[in-house]
Amino acid sequence: MLPFADGGDLAASLRNPGNYCNVVGFRPTPGRVPAWPAPNAWNTLGVLGPIARTVDDAAFLLSAMAGPDPRAPTVDHASRARFSRSR
């Protein structure tokens, strides 16, 4: 129904729908996508990431989700990356 959506991945919640429903689920490296507010900000087991119909759409959403956030202590403070080249 949607071209892409965001979700959380602790136990393959992003990756399993890709296997079962013919969509792309991507679990980014912990710290790539800031998670705030979080009950335990130092916990890196669960991460936020994109789920989409195509790889290009997942990369496009990850480009929007990723980036520094001073409120999240485990976030990657590198500059924003562009993961999709076609948009």
Foldseek 3Di string as FASTA:
>chain_A
DDQKDKDKDQPCPQPVCCVVPVKDGDDDQQQFFQDPPDPDLPDRNMDMAMIGNDPLSRQQVSLVRGEDDVVRPSHDHDHRDRRHDPD
